[in-house]
């Protein structure tokens, strides 16, 4: 049971970090299973990290970043800066598709291109 004033569910920062992990992994064409094997976890644990259901420890984040050939700072970026505006939408793409995207790793998928070819 959640304490009064504390929301139930994943923290928005955990979700945002998980999203960046997922975007980097997909941009490199790495499966959840391959990433999990590279750092000694199960793909289910990677799923939980990517969805924000489980928090990523700092040591695990370092392992994930190295497995995805990037630095920890590339994964974290400006997540802690509440004053930073959300990144602009990539040209010609809708908010639904952009919600899943981060400008550093963003590549439109065929599904996104089809979806964005028509009004949302």
PDB file of N, CA and C in Angstrom:
ATOM      1  N   UNK A   1       0.837  -1.178   0.000  1.00  0.00           N
ATOM      2  CA  UNK A   1       0.000   0.000   0.000  1.00  0.00           C
ATOM      3  C   UNK A   1       0.879   1.237   0.000  1.00  0.00           C
ATOM      4  N   UNK A   2       0.573   2.211  -0.818  1.00  0.00           N
ATOM      5  CA  UNK A   2       1.368   3.420  -0.944  1.00  0.00           C
ATOM      6  C   UNK A   2       1.037   4.387   0.186  1.00  0.00           C
ATOM      7  N   UNK A   3       2.060   5.110   0.630  1.00  0.00           N
ATOM      8  CA  UNK A   3       1.848   6.142   1.636  1.00  0.00           C
ATOM      9  C   UNK A   3       1.062   7.283   1.010  1.00  0.00           C
ATOM     10  N   UNK A   4       0.330   8.005   1.858  1.00  0.00           N
ATOM     11  CA  UNK A   4      -0.470   9.110   1.352  1.00  0.00           C
ATOM     12  C   UNK A   4       0.423  10.134   0.673  1.00  0.00           C
ATOM     13  N   UNK A   5       0.034  10.569  -0.520  1.00  0.00           N
ATOM     14  CA  UNK A   5       0.810  11.560  -1.257  1.00  0.00           C
ATOM     15  C   UNK A   5       1.887  10.956  -2.144  1.00  0.00           C
ATOM     16  N   UNK A   6       2.075   9.643  -2.070  1.00  0.00           N
ATOM     17  CA  UNK A   6       3.072   8.979  -2.912  1.00  0.00           C
ATOM     18  C   UNK A   6       2.352   8.135  -3.953  1.00  0.00           C
ATOM     19  N   UNK A   7       2.613   8.405  -5.220  1.00  0.00           N
ATOM     20  CA  UNK A   7       1.907   7.663  -6.263  1.00  0.00           C
ATOM     21  C   UNK A   7       2.336   6.199  -6.319  1.00  0.00           C
ATOM     22  N   UNK A   8       1.415   5.359  -6.761  1.00  0.00           N
ATOM     23  CA  UNK A   8       1.694   3.946  -6.966  1.00  0.00           C
ATOM     24  C   UNK A   8       2.200   3.790  -8.394  1.00  0.00           C
ATOM     25  N   UNK A   9       3.186   2.949  -8.592  1.00  0.00           N
ATOM     26  CA  UNK A   9       3.712   2.716  -9.926  1.00  0.00           C
ATOM     27  C   UNK A   9       5.141   3.200 -10.049  1.00  0.00           C
ATOM     28  N   UNK A  10       5.729   2.993 -11.219  1.00  0.00           N
ATOM     29  CA  UNK A  10       7.126   3.351 -11.429  1.00  0.00           C
ATOM     30  C   UNK A  10       7.349   4.861 -11.359  1.00  0.00           C
ATOM     31  N   UNK A  11       8.509   5.238 -10.877  1.00  0.00           N
ATOM     32  CA  UNK A  11       8.918   6.640 -10.841  1.00  0.00           C
ATOM     33  C   UNK A  11       9.170   7.110 -12.261  1.00  0.00           C
ATOM     34  N   UNK A  12       8.824   8.350 -12.562  1.00  0.00           N
ATOM     35  CA  UNK A  12       8.980   8.865 -13.927  1.00  0.00           C
ATOM     36  C   UNK A  12      10.434   8.845 -14.384  1.00  0.00           C
ATOM     37  N   UNK A  13      11.380   9.030 -13.459  1.00  0.00           N
ATOM     38  CA  UNK A  13      12.793   8.991 -13.846  1.00  0.00           C
ATOM     39  C   UNK A  13      13.236   7.574 -14.179  1.00  0.00           C
ATOM     40  N   UNK A  14      12.720   6.596 -13.446  1.00  0.00           N
ATOM     41  CA  UNK A  14      13.034   5.199 -13.756  1.00  0.00           C
ATOM     42  C   UNK A  14      12.484   4.816 -15.131  1.00  0.00           C
ATOM     43  N   UNK A  15      11.288   5.299 -15.430  1.00  0.00           N
ATOM     44  CA  UNK A  15      10.676   5.038 -16.738  1.00  0.00           C
ATOM     45  C   UNK A  15      11.489   5.717 -17.836  1.00  0.00           C
ATOM     46  N   UNK A  16      11.902   6.972 -17.605  1.00  0.00           N
ATOM     47  CA  UNK A  16      12.672   7.711 -18.611  1.00  0.00           C
ATOM     48  C   UNK A  16      14.022   7.055 -18.865  1.00  0.00           C
ATOM     49  N   UNK A  17      14.692   6.609 -17.811  1.00  0.00           N
ATOM     50  CA  UNK A  17      15.975   5.921 -17.989  1.00  0.00           C
ATOM     51  C   UNK A  17      15.772   4.607 -18.736  1.00  0.00           C
ATOM     52  N   UNK A  18      14.738   3.873 -18.375  1.00  0.00           N
ATOM     53  CA  UNK A  18      14.441   2.620 -19.075  1.00  0.00           C
ATOM     54  C   UNK A  18      14.175   2.848 -20.551  1.00  0.00           C
ATOM     55  N   UNK A  19      13.476   3.936 -20.857  1.00  0.00           N
ATOM     56  CA  UNK A  19      13.194   4.276 -22.248  1.00  0.00           C
ATOM     57  C   UNK A  19      14.494   4.546 -23.010  1.00  0.00           C
ATOM     58  N   UNK A  20      15.421   5.237 -22.387  1.00  0.00           N
ATOM     59  CA  UNK A  20      16.702   5.516 -23.052  1.00  0.00           C
ATOM     60  C   UNK A  20      17.507   4.248 -23.266  1.00  0.00           C
ATOM     61  N   UNK A  21      17.454   3.354 -22.310  1.00  0.00           N
ATOM     62  CA  UNK A  21      18.136   2.067 -22.477  1.00  0.00           C
ATOM     63  C   UNK A  21      17.530   1.329 -23.667  1.00  0.00           C
ATOM     64  N   UNK A  22      16.203   1.287 -23.721  1.00  0.00           N
ATOM     65  CA  UNK A  22      15.517   0.587 -24.811  1.00  0.00           C
ATOM     66  C   UNK A  22      15.837   1.216 -26.166  1.00  0.00           C
ATOM     67  N   UNK A  23      15.815   2.541 -26.235  1.00  0.00           N
ATOM     68  CA  UNK A  23      16.079   3.219 -27.496  1.00  0.00           C
ATOM     69  C   UNK A  23      17.503   2.964 -27.972  1.00  0.00           C
ATOM     70  N   UNK A  24      18.453   3.011 -27.065  1.00  0.00           N
ATOM     71  CA  UNK A  24      19.849   2.752 -27.447  1.00  0.00           C
ATOM     72  C   UNK A  24      20.000   1.305 -27.922  1.00  0.00           C
ATOM     73  N   UNK A  25      19.395   0.384 -27.188  1.00  0.00           N
ATOM     74  CA  UNK A  25      19.478  -1.034 -27.555  1.00  0.00           C
ATOM     75  C   UNK A  25      18.890  -1.259 -28.939  1.00  0.00           C
ATOM     76  N   UNK A  26      17.713  -0.695 -29.194  1.00  0.00           N
ATOM     77  CA  UNK A  26      17.062  -0.880 -30.485  1.00  0.00           C
ATOM     78  C   UNK A  26      17.825  -0.180 -31.608  1.00  0.00           C
ATOM     79  N   UNK A  27      18.393   0.987 -31.315  1.00  0.00           N
ATOM     80  CA  UNK A  27      19.169   1.700 -32.338  1.00  0.00           C
ATOM     81  C   UNK A  27      20.370   0.875 -32.787  1.00  0.00           C
ATOM     82  N   UNK A  28      20.913   0.076 -31.886  1.00  0.00           N
ATOM     83  CA  UNK A  28      22.050  -0.780 -32.226  1.00  0.00           C
ATOM     84  C   UNK A  28      21.607  -2.135 -32.783  1.00  0.00           C
ATOM     85  N   UNK A  29      20.310  -2.397 -32.765  1.00  0.00           N
ATOM     86  CA  UNK A  29      19.803  -3.678 -33.260  1.00  0.00           C
ATOM     87  C   UNK A  29      20.098  -4.838 -32.326  1.00  0.00           C
ATOM     88  N   UNK A  30      20.180  -4.545 -31.031  1.00  0.00           N
ATOM     89  CA  UNK A  30      20.491  -5.565 -30.019  1.00  0.00           C
ATOM     90  C   UNK A  30      19.185  -6.030 -29.391  1.00  0.00           C
ATOM     91  N   UNK A  31      19.013  -7.343 -29.260  1.00  0.00           N
ATOM     92  CA  UNK A  31      17.805  -7.874 -28.626  1.00  0.00           C
ATOM     93  C   UNK A  31      17.935  -7.790 -27.107  1.00  0.00           C
ATOM     94  N   UNK A  32      16.798  -7.902 -26.426  1.00  0.00           N
ATOM     95  CA  UNK A  32      16.834  -7.927 -24.963  1.00  0.00           C
ATOM     96  C   UNK A  32      17.637  -9.123 -24.470  1.00  0.00           C
ATOM     97  N   UNK A  33      17.504 -10.237 -25.145  1.00  0.00           N
ATOM     98  CA  UNK A  33      18.234 -11.442 -24.758  1.00  0.00           C
ATOM     99  C   UNK A  33      19.739 -11.239 -24.906  1.00  0.00           C
ATOM    100  N   UNK A  34      20.160 -10.640 -26.018  1.00  0.00           N
ATOM    101  CA  UNK A  34      21.594 -10.409 -26.238  1.00  0.00           C
ATOM    102  C   UNK A  34      22.156  -9.447 -25.194  1.00  0.00           C
ATOM    103  N   UNK A  35      21.426  -8.385 -24.881  1.00  0.00           N
ATOM    104  CA  UNK A  35      21.876  -7.450 -23.855  1.00  0.00           C
ATOM    105  C   UNK A  35      21.944  -8.150 -22.502  1.00  0.00           C
ATOM    106  N   UNK A  36      20.915  -8.915 -22.191  1.00  0.00           N
ATOM    107  CA  UNK A  36      20.893  -9.643 -20.917  1.00  0.00           C
ATOM    108  C   UNK A  36      22.081 -10.591 -20.805  1.00  0.00           C
ATOM    109  N   UNK A  37      22.365 -11.331 -21.864  1.00  0.00           N
ATOM    110  CA  UNK A  37      23.499 -12.257 -21.852  1.00  0.00           C
ATOM    111  C   UNK A  37      24.822 -11.518 -21.672  1.00  0.00           C
ATOM    112  N   UNK A  38      24.924 -10.341 -22.280  1.00  0.00           N
ATOM    113  CA  UNK A  38      26.168  -9.569 -22.195  1.00  0.00           C
ATOM    114  C   UNK A  38      26.465  -9.092 -20.778  1.00  0.00           C
ATOM    115  N   UNK A  39      25.418  -8.887 -19.975  1.00  0.00           N
ATOM    116  CA  UNK A  39      25.648  -8.377 -18.620  1.00  0.00           C
ATOM    117  C   UNK A  39      25.245  -9.375 -17.534  1.00  0.00           C
ATOM    118  N   UNK A  40      24.911 -10.598 -17.937  1.00  0.00           N
ATOM    119  CA  UNK A  40      24.644 -11.658 -16.970  1.00  0.00           C
ATOM    120  C   UNK A  40      23.278 -11.588 -16.303  1.00  0.00           C
ATOM    121  N   UNK A  41      22.255 -11.203 -17.060  1.00  0.00           N
ATOM    122  CA  UNK A  41      20.889 -11.140 -16.544  1.00  0.00           C
ATOM    123  C   UNK A  41      19.964 -11.946 -17.437  1.00  0.00           C
ATOM    124  N   UNK A  42      18.691 -11.948 -17.081  1.00  0.00           N
ATOM    125  CA  UNK A  42      17.678 -12.548 -17.940  1.00  0.00           C
ATOM    126  C   UNK A  42      17.022 -11.444 -18.764  1.00  0.00           C
ATOM    127  N   UNK A  43      16.412 -11.820 -19.881  1.00  0.00           N
ATOM    128  CA  UNK A  43      15.742 -10.801 -20.691  1.00  0.00           C
ATOM    129  C   UNK A  43      14.555 -10.210 -19.932  1.00  0.00           C
ATOM    130  N   UNK A  44      13.973 -10.982 -19.009  1.00  0.00           N
ATOM    131  CA  UNK A  44      12.862 -10.457 -18.219  1.00  0.00           C
ATOM    132  C   UNK A  44      13.322  -9.274 -17.353  1.00  0.00           C
ATOM    133  N   UNK A  45      14.537  -9.358 -16.830  1.00  0.00           N
ATOM    134  CA  UNK A  45      15.057  -8.263 -16.024  1.00  0.00           C
ATOM    135  C   UNK A  45      15.288  -7.026 -16.888  1.00  0.00           C
ATOM    136  N   UNK A  46      15.771  -7.227 -18.098  1.00  0.00           N
ATOM    137  CA  UNK A  46      15.952  -6.098 -19.030  1.00  0.00           C
ATOM    138  C   UNK A  46      14.592  -5.459 -19.312  1.00  0.00           C
ATOM    139  N   UNK A  47      13.565  -6.284 -19.517  1.00  0.00           N
ATOM    140  CA  UNK A  47      12.211  -5.752 -19.734  1.00  0.00           C
ATOM    141  C   UNK A  47      11.780  -4.886 -18.563  1.00  0.00           C
ATOM    142  N   UNK A  48      12.022  -5.343 -17.353  1.00  0.00           N
ATOM    143  CA  UNK A  48      11.622  -4.586 -16.162  1.00  0.00           C
ATOM    144  C   UNK A  48      12.383  -3.266 -16.072  1.00  0.00           C
ATOM    145  N   UNK A  49      13.670  -3.286 -16.404  1.00  0.00           N
ATOM    146  CA  UNK A  49      14.441  -2.035 -16.418  1.00  0.00           C
ATOM    147  C   UNK A  49      13.874  -1.075 -17.459  1.00  0.00           C
ATOM    148  N   UNK A  50      13.617  -1.587 -18.663  1.00  0.00           N
ATOM    149  CA  UNK A  50      13.155  -0.736 -19.758  1.00  0.00           C
ATOM    150  C   UNK A  50      11.775  -0.150 -19.494  1.00  0.00           C
ATOM    151  N   UNK A  51      10.967  -0.818 -18.743  1.00  0.00           N
ATOM    152  CA  UNK A  51       9.622  -0.315 -18.426  1.00  0.00           C
ATOM    153  C   UNK A  51       9.593   0.521 -17.147  1.00  0.00           C
ATOM    154  N   UNK A  52      10.728   0.545 -16.434  1.00  0.00           N
ATOM    155  CA  UNK A  52      10.804   1.332 -15.207  1.00  0.00           C
ATOM    156  C   UNK A  52      10.240   0.625 -13.994  1.00  0.00           C
ATOM    157  N   UNK A  53       9.887  -0.647 -14.116  1.00  0.00           N
ATOM    158  CA  UNK A  53       9.332  -1.378 -12.980  1.00  0.00           C
ATOM    159  C   UNK A  53      10.403  -1.701 -11.944  1.00  0.00           C
ATOM    160  N   UNK A  54      11.624  -1.934 -12.387  1.00  0.00           N
ATOM    161  CA  UNK A  54      12.754  -2.149 -11.482  1.00  0.00           C
ATOM    162  C   UNK A  54      13.758  -1.023 -11.693  1.00  0.00           C
ATOM    163  N   UNK A  55      14.314  -0.542 -10.615  1.00  0.00           N
ATOM    164  CA  UNK A  55      15.319   0.511 -10.712  1.00  0.00           C
ATOM    165  C   UNK A  55      16.659  -0.085 -11.111  1.00  0.00           C
ATOM    166  N   UNK A  56      17.388   0.685 -11.898  1.00  0.00           N
ATOM    167  CA  UNK A  56      18.707   0.268 -12.366  1.00  0.00           C
ATOM    168  C   UNK A  56      19.734   0.824 -11.397  1.00  0.00           C
ATOM    169  N   UNK A  57      20.512  -0.053 -10.768  1.00  0.00           N
ATOM    170  CA  UNK A  57      21.575   0.417  -9.874  1.00  0.00           C
ATOM    171  C   UNK A  57      22.680   1.060 -10.707  1.00  0.00           C
ATOM    172  N   UNK A  58      23.504   1.851 -10.054  1.00  0.00           N
ATOM    173  CA  UNK A  58      24.561   2.538 -10.792  1.00  0.00           C
ATOM    174  C   UNK A  58      25.527   1.543 -11.424  1.00  0.00           C
ATOM    175  N   UNK A  59      25.912   0.524 -10.679  1.00  0.00           N
ATOM    176  CA  UNK A  59      26.851  -0.463 -11.241  1.00  0.00           C
ATOM    177  C   UNK A  59      26.230  -1.183 -12.439  1.00  0.00           C
ATOM    178  N   UNK A  60      24.935  -1.468 -12.361  1.00  0.00           N
ATOM    179  CA  UNK A  60      24.258  -2.128 -13.475  1.00  0.00           C
ATOM    180  C   UNK A  60      24.154  -1.176 -14.662  1.00  0.00           C
ATOM    181  N   UNK A  61      23.915   0.103 -14.397  1.00  0.00           N
ATOM    182  CA  UNK A  61      23.843   1.092 -15.473  1.00  0.00           C
ATOM    183  C   UNK A  61      25.179   1.182 -16.202  1.00  0.00           C
ATOM    184  N   UNK A  62      26.278   1.126 -15.458  1.00  0.00           N
ATOM    185  CA  UNK A  62      27.605   1.136 -16.082  1.00  0.00           C
ATOM    186  C   UNK A  62      27.754  -0.087 -16.984  1.00  0.00           C
ATOM    187  N   UNK A  63      27.338  -1.257 -16.501  1.00  0.00           N
ATOM    188  CA  UNK A  63      27.417  -2.476 -17.313  1.00  0.00           C
ATOM    189  C   UNK A  63      26.570  -2.366 -18.576  1.00  0.00           C
ATOM    190  N   UNK A  64      25.369  -1.840 -18.431  1.00  0.00           N
ATOM    191  CA  UNK A  64      24.472  -1.682 -19.579  1.00  0.00           C
ATOM    192  C   UNK A  64      25.064  -0.708 -20.592  1.00  0.00           C
ATOM    193  N   UNK A  65      25.570   0.419 -20.107  1.00  0.00           N
ATOM    194  CA  UNK A  65      26.167   1.421 -21.000  1.00  0.00           C
ATOM    195  C   UNK A  65      27.335   0.825 -21.773  1.00  0.00           C
ATOM    196  N   UNK A  66      28.197   0.092 -21.094  1.00  0.00           N
ATOM    197  CA  UNK A  66      29.340  -0.516 -21.782  1.00  0.00           C
ATOM    198  C   UNK A  66      28.877  -1.557 -22.808  1.00  0.00           C
ATOM    199  N   UNK A  67      27.868  -2.338 -22.450  1.00  0.00           N
ATOM    200  CA  UNK A  67      27.349  -3.342 -23.383  1.00  0.00           C
ATOM    201  C   UNK A  67      26.709  -2.683 -24.606  1.00  0.00           C
ATOM    202  N   UNK A  68      26.182  -1.466 -24.418  1.00  0.00           N
ATOM    203  CA  UNK A  68      25.552  -0.734 -25.524  1.00  0.00           C
ATOM    204  C   UNK A  68      26.514   0.277 -26.144  1.00  0.00           C
ATOM    205  N   UNK A  69      27.786   0.136 -25.828  1.00  0.00           N
ATOM    206  CA  UNK A  69      28.848   0.936 -26.440  1.00  0.00           C
ATOM    207  C   UNK A  69      28.602   2.443 -26.299  1.00  0.00           C
ATOM    208  N   UNK A  70      28.285   2.858 -25.072  1.00  0.00           N
ATOM    209  CA  UNK A  70      28.132   4.282 -24.801  1.00  0.00           C
ATOM    210  C   UNK A  70      28.555   4.554 -23.360  1.00  0.00           C
ATOM    211  N   UNK A  71      28.536   5.815 -22.982  1.00  0.00           N
ATOM    212  CA  UNK A  71      28.900   6.200 -21.618  1.00  0.00           C
ATOM    213  C   UNK A  71      27.627   6.355 -20.792  1.00  0.00           C
ATOM    214  N   UNK A  72      27.782   6.280 -19.483  1.00  0.00           N
ATOM    215  CA  UNK A  72      26.647   6.445 -18.587  1.00  0.00           C
ATOM    216  C   UNK A  72      25.988   7.802 -18.811  1.00  0.00           C
ATOM    217  N   UNK A  73      26.779   8.840 -18.983  1.00  0.00           N
ATOM    218  CA  UNK A  73      26.227  10.184 -19.185  1.00  0.00           C
ATOM    219  C   UNK A  73      25.359  10.241 -20.440  1.00  0.00           C
ATOM    220  N   UNK A  74      25.690   9.425 -21.448  1.00  0.00           N
ATOM    221  CA  UNK A  74      24.859   9.373 -22.650  1.00  0.00           C
ATOM    222  C   UNK A  74      23.485   8.785 -22.336  1.00  0.00           C
ATOM    223  N   UNK A  75      23.426   7.883 -21.360  1.00  0.00           N
ATOM    224  CA  UNK A  75      22.160   7.275 -20.971  1.00  0.00           C
ATOM    225  C   UNK A  75      21.345   8.219 -20.081  1.00  0.00           C
ATOM    226  N   UNK A  76      22.029   8.923 -19.202  1.00  0.00           N
ATOM    227  CA  UNK A  76      21.331   9.780 -18.235  1.00  0.00           C
ATOM    228  C   UNK A  76      20.969  11.121 -18.845  1.00  0.00           C
ATOM    229  N   UNK A  77      21.921  11.744 -19.533  1.00  0.00           N
ATOM    230  CA  UNK A  77      21.667  13.034 -20.171  1.00  0.00           C
ATOM    231  C   UNK A  77      21.115  14.054 -19.203  1.00  0.00           C
ATOM    232  N   UNK A  78      19.984  14.636 -19.549  1.00  0.00           N
ATOM    233  CA  UNK A  78      19.379  15.697 -18.748  1.00  0.00           C
ATOM    234  C   UNK A  78      18.164  15.204 -17.964  1.00  0.00           C
ATOM    235  N   UNK A  79      18.114  13.932 -17.623  1.00  0.00           N
ATOM    236  CA  UNK A  79      16.947  13.386 -16.923  1.00  0.00           C
ATOM    237  C   UNK A  79      16.667  14.087 -15.597  1.00  0.00           C
ATOM    238  N   UNK A  80      17.696  14.579 -14.941  1.00  0.00           N
ATOM    239  CA  UNK A  80      17.496  15.180 -13.622  1.00  0.00           C
ATOM    240  C   UNK A  80      17.165  16.662 -13.679  1.00  0.00           C
ATOM    241  N   UNK A  81      17.112  17.249 -14.854  1.00  0.00           N
ATOM    242  CA  UNK A  81      16.875  18.678 -14.980  1.00  0.00           C
ATOM    243  C   UNK A  81      15.414  18.932 -15.339  1.00  0.00           C
ATOM    244  N   UNK A  82      14.610  19.211 -14.310  1.00  0.00           N
ATOM    245  CA  UNK A  82      13.178  19.420 -14.523  1.00  0.00           C
ATOM    246  C   UNK A  82      12.895  20.687 -15.318  1.00  0.00           C
ATOM    247  N   UNK A  83      13.860  21.615 -15.356  1.00  0.00           N
ATOM    248  CA  UNK A  83      13.631  22.863 -16.080  1.00  0.00           C
ATOM    249  C   UNK A  83      13.851  22.719 -17.580  1.00  0.00           C
ATOM    250  N   UNK A  84      14.452  21.617 -17.995  1.00  0.00           N
ATOM    251  CA  UNK A  84      14.706  21.405 -19.416  1.00  0.00           C
ATOM    252  C   UNK A  84      13.394  21.097 -20.127  1.00  0.00           C
ATOM    253  N   UNK A  85      13.125  21.772 -21.226  1.00  0.00           N
ATOM    254  CA  UNK A  85      11.904  21.447 -21.968  1.00  0.00           C
ATOM    255  C   UNK A  85      12.051  20.093 -22.643  1.00  0.00           C
ATOM    256  N   UNK A  86      10.938  19.505 -22.963  1.00  0.00           N
ATOM    257  CA  UNK A  86      10.967  18.252 -23.706  1.00  0.00           C
ATOM    258  C   UNK A  86      11.582  18.516 -25.069  1.00  0.00           C
ATOM    259  N   UNK A  87      12.312  17.537 -25.616  1.00  0.00           N
ATOM    260  CA  UNK A  87      12.899  17.747 -26.930  1.00  0.00           C
ATOM    261  C   UNK A  87      11.806  17.941 -27.973  1.00  0.00           C
ATOM    262  N   UNK A  88      12.094  18.740 -29.006  1.00  0.00           N
ATOM    263  CA  UNK A  88      11.094  18.942 -30.049  1.00  0.00           C
ATOM    264  C   UNK A  88      10.834  17.649 -30.806  1.00  0.00           C
ATOM    265  N   UNK A  89       9.665  17.582 -31.409  1.00  0.00           N
ATOM    266  CA  UNK A  89       9.332  16.418 -32.224  1.00  0.00           C
ATOM    267  C   UNK A  89      10.224  16.392 -33.458  1.00  0.00           C
ATOM    268  N   UNK A  90      10.662  15.220 -33.869  1.00  0.00           N
ATOM    269  CA  UNK A  90      11.371  15.147 -35.136  1.00  0.00           C
ATOM    270  C   UNK A  90      10.448  15.628 -36.249  1.00  0.00           C
ATOM    271  N   UNK A  91      10.981  16.308 -37.252  1.00  0.00           N
ATOM    272  CA  UNK A  91      10.132  16.852 -38.317  1.00  0.00           C
ATOM    273  C   UNK A  91       9.254  15.779 -38.952  1.00  0.00           C
ATOM    274  N   UNK A  92       7.963  16.090 -39.083  1.00  0.00           N
ATOM    275  CA  UNK A  92       7.038  15.193 -39.760  1.00  0.00           C
ATOM    276  C   UNK A  92       6.558  14.022 -38.942  1.00  0.00           C
ATOM    277  N   UNK A  93       6.776  14.051 -37.623  1.00  0.00           N
ATOM    278  CA  UNK A  93       6.365  12.920 -36.798  1.00  0.00           C
ATOM    279  C   UNK A  93       5.464  13.371 -35.674  1.00  0.00           C
ATOM    280  N   UNK A  94       4.591  12.476 -35.275  1.00  0.00           N
ATOM    281  CA  UNK A  94       3.562  12.805 -34.298  1.00  0.00           C
ATOM    282  C   UNK A  94       4.065  12.621 -32.868  1.00  0.00           C
ATOM    283  N   UNK A  95       3.323  13.154 -31.921  1.00  0.00           N
ATOM    284  CA  UNK A  95       3.685  13.067 -30.508  1.00  0.00           C
ATOM    285  C   UNK A  95       3.692  11.625 -30.018  1.00  0.00           C
ATOM    286  N   UNK A  96       2.797  10.792 -30.545  1.00  0.00           N
ATOM    287  CA  UNK A  96       2.754   9.390 -30.130  1.00  0.00           C
ATOM    288  C   UNK A  96       4.076   8.700 -30.445  1.00  0.00           C
ATOM    289  N   UNK A  97       4.583   8.894 -31.645  1.00  0.00           N
ATOM    290  CA  UNK A  97       5.850   8.272 -32.031  1.00  0.00           C
ATOM    291  C   UNK A  97       7.009   8.913 -31.274  1.00  0.00           C
ATOM    292  N   UNK A  98       6.969  10.217 -31.117  1.00  0.00           N
ATOM    293  CA  UNK A  98       8.071  10.925 -30.479  1.00  0.00           C
ATOM    294  C   UNK A  98       8.170  10.607 -29.002  1.00  0.00           C
ATOM    295  N   UNK A  99       7.068  10.220 -28.358  1.00  0.00           N
ATOM    296  CA  UNK A  99       7.118   9.862 -26.947  1.00  0.00           C
ATOM    297  C   UNK A  99       8.085   8.714 -26.712  1.00  0.00           C
ATOM    298  N   UNK A 100       8.212   7.862 -27.711  1.00  0.00           N
ATOM    299  CA  UNK A 100       9.107   6.720 -27.590  1.00  0.00           C
ATOM    300  C   UNK A 100      10.514   7.055 -28.062  1.00  0.00           C
ATOM    301  N   UNK A 101      10.712   8.253 -28.523  1.00  0.00           N
ATOM    302  CA  UNK A 101      11.986   8.593 -29.154  1.00  0.00           C
ATOM    303  C   UNK A 101      12.809   9.537 -28.300  1.00  0.00           C
ATOM    304  N   UNK A 102      14.095   9.445 -28.459  1.00  0.00           N
ATOM    305  CA  UNK A 102      15.033  10.394 -27.862  1.00  0.00           C
ATOM    306  C   UNK A 102      15.885  10.876 -29.032  1.00  0.00           C
ATOM    307  N   UNK A 103      16.116  12.184 -29.158  1.00  0.00           N
ATOM    308  CA  UNK A 103      16.796  12.711 -30.346  1.00  0.00           C
ATOM    309  C   UNK A 103      18.148  12.064 -30.626  1.00  0.00           C
ATOM    310  N   UNK A 104      18.851  11.651 -29.597  1.00  0.00           N
ATOM    311  CA  UNK A 104      20.174  11.068 -29.796  1.00  0.00           C
ATOM    312  C   UNK A 104      20.115   9.745 -30.541  1.00  0.00           C
ATOM    313  N   UNK A 105      19.081   8.946 -30.245  1.00  0.00           N
ATOM    314  CA  UNK A 105      19.013   7.593 -30.788  1.00  0.00           C
ATOM    315  C   UNK A 105      17.888   7.406 -31.782  1.00  0.00           C
ATOM    316  N   UNK A 106      17.160   8.468 -32.106  1.00  0.00           N
ATOM    317  CA  UNK A 106      15.917   8.329 -32.842  1.00  0.00           C
ATOM    318  C   UNK A 106      16.134   7.957 -34.296  1.00  0.00           C
ATOM    319  N   UNK A 107      15.466   6.900 -34.698  1.00  0.00           N
ATOM    320  CA  UNK A 107      15.381   6.495 -36.100  1.00  0.00           C
ATOM    321  C   UNK A 107      13.953   6.031 -36.310  1.00  0.00           C
ATOM    322  N   UNK A 108      13.245   6.623 -37.267  1.00  0.00           N
ATOM    323  CA  UNK A 108      11.863   6.199 -37.456  1.00  0.00           C
ATOM    324  C   UNK A 108      11.791   4.759 -37.955  1.00  0.00           C
ATOM    325  N   UNK A 109      10.905   4.010 -37.362  1.00  0.00           N
ATOM    326  CA  UNK A 109      10.676   2.636 -37.801  1.00  0.00           C
ATOM    327  C   UNK A 109       9.692   2.665 -38.962  1.00  0.00           C
ATOM    328  N   UNK A 110       9.603   1.596 -39.744  1.00  0.00           N
ATOM    329  CA  UNK A 110       8.607   1.563 -40.817  1.00  0.00           C
ATOM    330  C   UNK A 110       7.193   1.810 -40.282  1.00  0.00           C
ATOM    331  N   UNK A 111       6.879   1.241 -39.114  1.00  0.00           N
ATOM    332  CA  UNK A 111       5.556   1.448 -38.521  1.00  0.00           C
ATOM    333  C   UNK A 111       5.345   2.928 -38.207  1.00  0.00           C
ATOM    334  N   UNK A 112       6.366   3.585 -37.677  1.00  0.00           N
ATOM    335  CA  UNK A 112       6.275   5.013 -37.366  1.00  0.00           C
ATOM    336  C   UNK A 112       6.076   5.814 -38.648  1.00  0.00           C
ATOM    337  N   UNK A 113       6.821   5.458 -39.681  1.00  0.00           N
ATOM    338  CA  UNK A 113       6.685   6.193 -40.946  1.00  0.00           C
ATOM    339  C   UNK A 113       5.283   6.042 -41.524  1.00  0.00           C
ATOM    340  N   UNK A 114       4.715   4.831 -41.419  1.00  0.00           N
ATOM    341  CA  UNK A 114       3.345   4.607 -41.904  1.00  0.00           C
ATOM    342  C   UNK A 114       2.358   5.411 -41.051  1.00  0.00           C
ATOM    343  N   UNK A 115       2.525   5.347 -39.739  1.00  0.00           N
ATOM    344  CA  UNK A 115       1.611   6.036 -38.828  1.00  0.00           C
ATOM    345  C   UNK A 115       1.672   7.539 -39.036  1.00  0.00           C
ATOM    346  N   UNK A 116       2.875   8.078 -39.217  1.00  0.00           N
ATOM    347  CA  UNK A 116       3.027   9.519 -39.334  1.00  0.00           C
ATOM    348  C   UNK A 116       2.668  10.035 -40.729  1.00  0.00           C
ATOM    349  N   UNK A 117       2.474   9.131 -41.659  1.00  0.00           N
ATOM    350  CA  UNK A 117       2.068   9.545 -43.006  1.00  0.00           C
ATOM    351  C   UNK A 117       0.603   9.971 -43.007  1.00  0.00           C
ATOM    352  N   UNK A 118      -0.112   9.595 -41.952  1.00  0.00           N
ATOM    353  CA  UNK A 118      -1.521  10.017 -41.846  1.00  0.00           C
ATOM    354  C   UNK A 118      -1.684  10.809 -40.544  1.00  0.00           C
ATOM    355  N   UNK A 119      -2.664  11.676 -40.456  1.00  0.00           N
ATOM    356  CA  UNK A 119      -2.856  12.482 -39.255  1.00  0.00           C
ATOM    357  C   UNK A 119      -3.168  11.609 -38.047  1.00  0.00           C
ATOM    358  N   UNK A 120      -2.677  12.021 -36.889  1.00  0.00           N
ATOM    359  CA  UNK A 120      -2.944  11.259 -35.643  1.00  0.00           C
ATOM    360  C   UNK A 120      -4.306  11.606 -35.091  1.00  0.00           C
TER     361      UNK A 120
END
